Amino acid sequence: MDVSLSNSIVSAATAASNRQTSDAVNVAVLKKAMDIQAAGAATLLQSVAPAAQPALATSGTLGTQVNTFA
């Protein structure tokens, strides 16, 4: 049996296993980073006070049918 062939098969299998482990760690870190960003964005959105909407016009022909405030 050729020892160099066995060594190359073992090294290829080891490299594939290491790559899978590395990919799994990278995905886990990415998910954690996205969770942290989502939590930060939610905190920022909650800290912003909603702007008061002006009241609709109640008389006249302008502004009584459609609220055009942007």
N, C-alpha and C. Protein backbone atom coordinates (compact mmCIF):
# COMPACT_ATOMS: atom_id res chain seq x y z
N MET A 1 0.85 -1.18 0.00
CA MET A 1 0.00 0.00 0.00
C MET A 1 0.89 1.24 0.00
N ASP A 2 0.49 2.20 -0.76
CA ASP A 2 1.27 3.43 -0.89
C ASP A 2 0.99 4.34 0.31
N VAL A 3 2.03 4.62 1.10
CA VAL A 3 1.88 5.43 2.31
C VAL A 3 1.58 6.87 1.97
N SER A 4 2.16 7.38 0.91
CA SER A 4 1.93 8.79 0.54
C SER A 4 0.48 9.01 0.13
N LEU A 5 -0.14 8.01 -0.49
CA LEU A 5 -1.54 8.12 -0.85
C LEU A 5 -2.41 8.15 0.40
N SER A 6 -2.08 7.32 1.37
CA SER A 6 -2.83 7.30 2.63
C SER A 6 -2.68 8.62 3.37
N ASN A 7 -1.47 9.15 3.36
CA ASN A 7 -1.23 10.44 4.02
C ASN A 7 -2.00 11.56 3.35
N SER A 8 -2.07 11.55 2.03
CA SER A 8 -2.80 12.60 1.33
C SER A 8 -4.30 12.49 1.58
N ILE A 9 -4.81 11.26 1.68
CA ILE A 9 -6.24 11.08 1.99
C ILE A 9 -6.55 11.57 3.39
N VAL A 10 -5.68 11.24 4.33
CA VAL A 10 -5.88 11.68 5.72
C VAL A 10 -5.80 13.19 5.81
N SER A 11 -4.85 13.80 5.13
CA SER A 11 -4.71 15.26 5.21
C SER A 11 -5.90 15.95 4.53
N ALA A 12 -6.41 15.37 3.45
CA ALA A 12 -7.58 15.95 2.79
C ALA A 12 -8.81 15.85 3.68
N ALA A 13 -8.98 14.73 4.35
CA ALA A 13 -10.11 14.56 5.27
C ALA A 13 -10.00 15.51 6.44
N THR A 14 -8.80 15.69 6.96
CA THR A 14 -8.58 16.61 8.08
C THR A 14 -8.87 18.05 7.66
N ALA A 15 -8.42 18.42 6.47
CA ALA A 15 -8.67 19.78 5.98
C ALA A 15 -10.16 20.02 5.80
N ALA A 16 -10.89 19.05 5.30
CA ALA A 16 -12.34 19.20 5.12
C ALA A 16 -13.04 19.33 6.47
N SER A 17 -12.60 18.56 7.43
CA SER A 17 -13.19 18.64 8.77
C SER A 17 -12.91 20.00 9.40
N ASN A 18 -11.68 20.49 9.24
CA ASN A 18 -11.33 21.80 9.79
C ASN A 18 -12.14 22.91 9.11
N ARG A 19 -12.37 22.78 7.82
CA ARG A 19 -13.13 23.78 7.08
C ARG A 19 -14.58 23.80 7.56
N GLN A 20 -15.15 22.63 7.80
CA GLN A 20 -16.53 22.57 8.30
C GLN A 20 -16.63 23.21 9.67
N THR A 21 -15.66 22.94 10.53
CA THR A 21 -15.66 23.53 11.87
C THR A 21 -15.51 25.04 11.78
N SER A 22 -14.62 25.49 10.92
CA SER A 22 -14.40 26.92 10.74
C SER A 22 -15.66 27.60 10.21
N ASP A 23 -16.32 26.97 9.25
CA ASP A 23 -17.56 27.54 8.71
C ASP A 23 -18.64 27.62 9.78
N ALA A 24 -18.75 26.60 10.61
CA ALA A 24 -19.76 26.60 11.67
C ALA A 24 -19.49 27.72 12.68
N VAL A 25 -18.23 27.91 13.02
CA VAL A 25 -17.87 28.98 13.96
C VAL A 25 -18.16 30.34 13.34
N ASN A 26 -17.83 30.51 12.06
CA ASN A 26 -18.08 31.79 11.39
C ASN A 26 -19.57 32.11 11.34
N VAL A 27 -20.41 31.12 11.07
CA VAL A 27 -21.85 31.34 11.03
C VAL A 27 -22.38 31.69 12.42
N ALA A 28 -21.87 31.02 13.44
CA ALA A 28 -22.32 31.32 14.81
C ALA A 28 -21.94 32.74 15.21
N VAL A 29 -20.75 33.17 14.85
CA VAL A 29 -20.31 34.54 15.17
C VAL A 29 -21.16 35.55 14.41
N LEU A 30 -21.46 35.27 13.14
CA LEU A 30 -22.30 36.16 12.35
C LEU A 30 -23.69 36.29 12.95
N LYS A 31 -24.28 35.17 13.36
CA LYS A 31 -25.61 35.21 13.98
C LYS A 31 -25.60 36.03 15.26
N LYS A 32 -24.56 35.86 16.07
CA LYS A 32 -24.46 36.61 17.32
C LYS A 32 -24.32 38.11 17.04
N ALA A 33 -23.52 38.47 16.04
CA ALA A 33 -23.35 39.88 15.68
C ALA A 33 -24.67 40.47 15.18
N MET A 34 -25.42 39.70 14.41
CA MET A 34 -26.72 40.19 13.92
C MET A 34 -27.71 40.36 15.06
N ASP A 35 -27.68 39.45 16.05
CA ASP A 35 -28.56 39.58 17.21
C ASP A 35 -28.22 40.84 18.01
N ILE A 36 -26.94 41.12 18.15
CA ILE A 36 -26.52 42.31 18.89
C ILE A 36 -26.95 43.57 18.14
N GLN A 37 -26.81 43.58 16.81
CA GLN A 37 -27.25 44.74 16.03
C GLN A 37 -28.75 44.92 16.10
N ALA A 38 -29.49 43.83 16.08
CA ALA A 38 -30.95 43.92 16.18
C ALA A 38 -31.37 44.49 17.53
N ALA A 39 -30.71 44.06 18.58
CA ALA A 39 -31.03 44.58 19.91
C ALA A 39 -30.70 46.07 20.00
N GLY A 40 -29.57 46.48 19.42
CA GLY A 40 -29.20 47.89 19.43
C GLY A 40 -30.18 48.74 18.63
N ALA A 41 -30.60 48.23 17.49
CA ALA A 41 -31.56 48.97 16.67
C ALA A 41 -32.90 49.09 17.38
N ALA A 42 -33.33 48.02 18.04
CA ALA A 42 -34.60 48.07 18.78
C ALA A 42 -34.53 49.09 19.91
N THR A 43 -33.40 49.14 20.59
CA THR A 43 -33.22 50.12 21.67
C THR A 43 -33.27 51.54 21.13
N LEU A 44 -32.61 51.78 20.00
CA LEU A 44 -32.64 53.12 19.40
C LEU A 44 -34.04 53.51 18.97
N LEU A 45 -34.76 52.58 18.37
CA LEU A 45 -36.12 52.89 17.93
C LEU A 45 -37.04 53.18 19.11
N GLN A 46 -36.84 52.48 20.22
CA GLN A 46 -37.67 52.72 21.39
C GLN A 46 -37.35 54.05 22.06
N SER A 47 -36.09 54.51 21.90
CA SER A 47 -35.69 55.76 22.55
C SER A 47 -36.19 57.00 21.82
N VAL A 48 -36.56 56.84 20.57
CA VAL A 48 -37.05 57.98 19.79
C VAL A 48 -38.52 58.21 20.12
N ALA A 49 -38.82 59.40 20.59
CA ALA A 49 -40.21 59.74 20.90
C ALA A 49 -40.97 59.99 19.60
N PRO A 50 -42.14 59.42 19.47
CA PRO A 50 -42.90 59.67 18.24
C PRO A 50 -43.31 61.13 18.14
N ALA A 51 -43.23 61.68 16.94
CA ALA A 51 -43.61 63.07 16.72
C ALA A 51 -45.13 63.19 16.80
N ALA A 52 -45.56 64.27 17.38
CA ALA A 52 -47.00 64.51 17.51
C ALA A 52 -47.58 64.85 16.13
N GLN A 53 -48.66 64.19 15.78
CA GLN A 53 -49.32 64.46 14.52
C GLN A 53 -50.24 65.66 14.68
N PRO A 54 -50.19 66.58 13.72
CA PRO A 54 -51.10 67.71 13.81
C PRO A 54 -52.54 67.24 13.58
N ALA A 55 -53.45 67.93 14.21
CA ALA A 55 -54.86 67.57 14.06
C ALA A 55 -55.34 67.88 12.65
N LEU A 56 -56.27 67.08 12.19
CA LEU A 56 -56.87 67.33 10.89
C LEU A 56 -57.75 68.57 10.94
N ALA A 57 -57.86 69.23 9.81
CA ALA A 57 -58.76 70.38 9.73
C ALA A 57 -60.19 69.90 9.92
N THR A 58 -60.96 70.69 10.63
CA THR A 58 -62.36 70.29 10.88
C THR A 58 -63.35 71.15 10.12
N SER A 59 -62.87 72.23 9.52
CA SER A 59 -63.79 73.07 8.77
C SER A 59 -63.09 73.55 7.50
N GLY A 60 -63.89 73.97 6.54
CA GLY A 60 -63.34 74.46 5.28
C GLY A 60 -63.22 73.33 4.26
N THR A 61 -62.72 73.68 3.09
CA THR A 61 -62.64 72.70 2.03
C THR A 61 -61.24 72.10 1.90
N LEU A 62 -60.28 72.65 2.59
CA LEU A 62 -58.92 72.17 2.45
C LEU A 62 -58.51 71.38 3.69
N GLY A 63 -58.10 70.13 3.51
CA GLY A 63 -57.58 69.33 4.60
C GLY A 63 -58.63 68.59 5.42
N THR A 64 -59.87 68.63 4.99
CA THR A 64 -60.90 67.94 5.76
C THR A 64 -61.19 66.54 5.23
N GLN A 65 -60.70 66.23 4.04
CA GLN A 65 -61.00 64.92 3.45
C GLN A 65 -59.79 64.00 3.48
N VAL A 66 -58.59 64.52 3.25
CA VAL A 66 -57.39 63.69 3.18
C VAL A 66 -56.31 64.34 4.04
N ASN A 67 -55.67 63.54 4.89
CA ASN A 67 -54.56 64.05 5.68
C ASN A 67 -53.31 64.03 4.80
N THR A 68 -52.84 65.20 4.41
CA THR A 68 -51.70 65.28 3.50
C THR A 68 -50.40 65.59 4.24
N PHE A 69 -50.40 65.50 5.56
CA PHE A 69 -49.19 65.75 6.33
C PHE A 69 -48.18 64.66 6.05
N ALA A 70 -46.96 65.06 5.78
CA ALA A 70 -45.91 64.06 5.49
C ALA A 70 -44.83 64.15 6.54
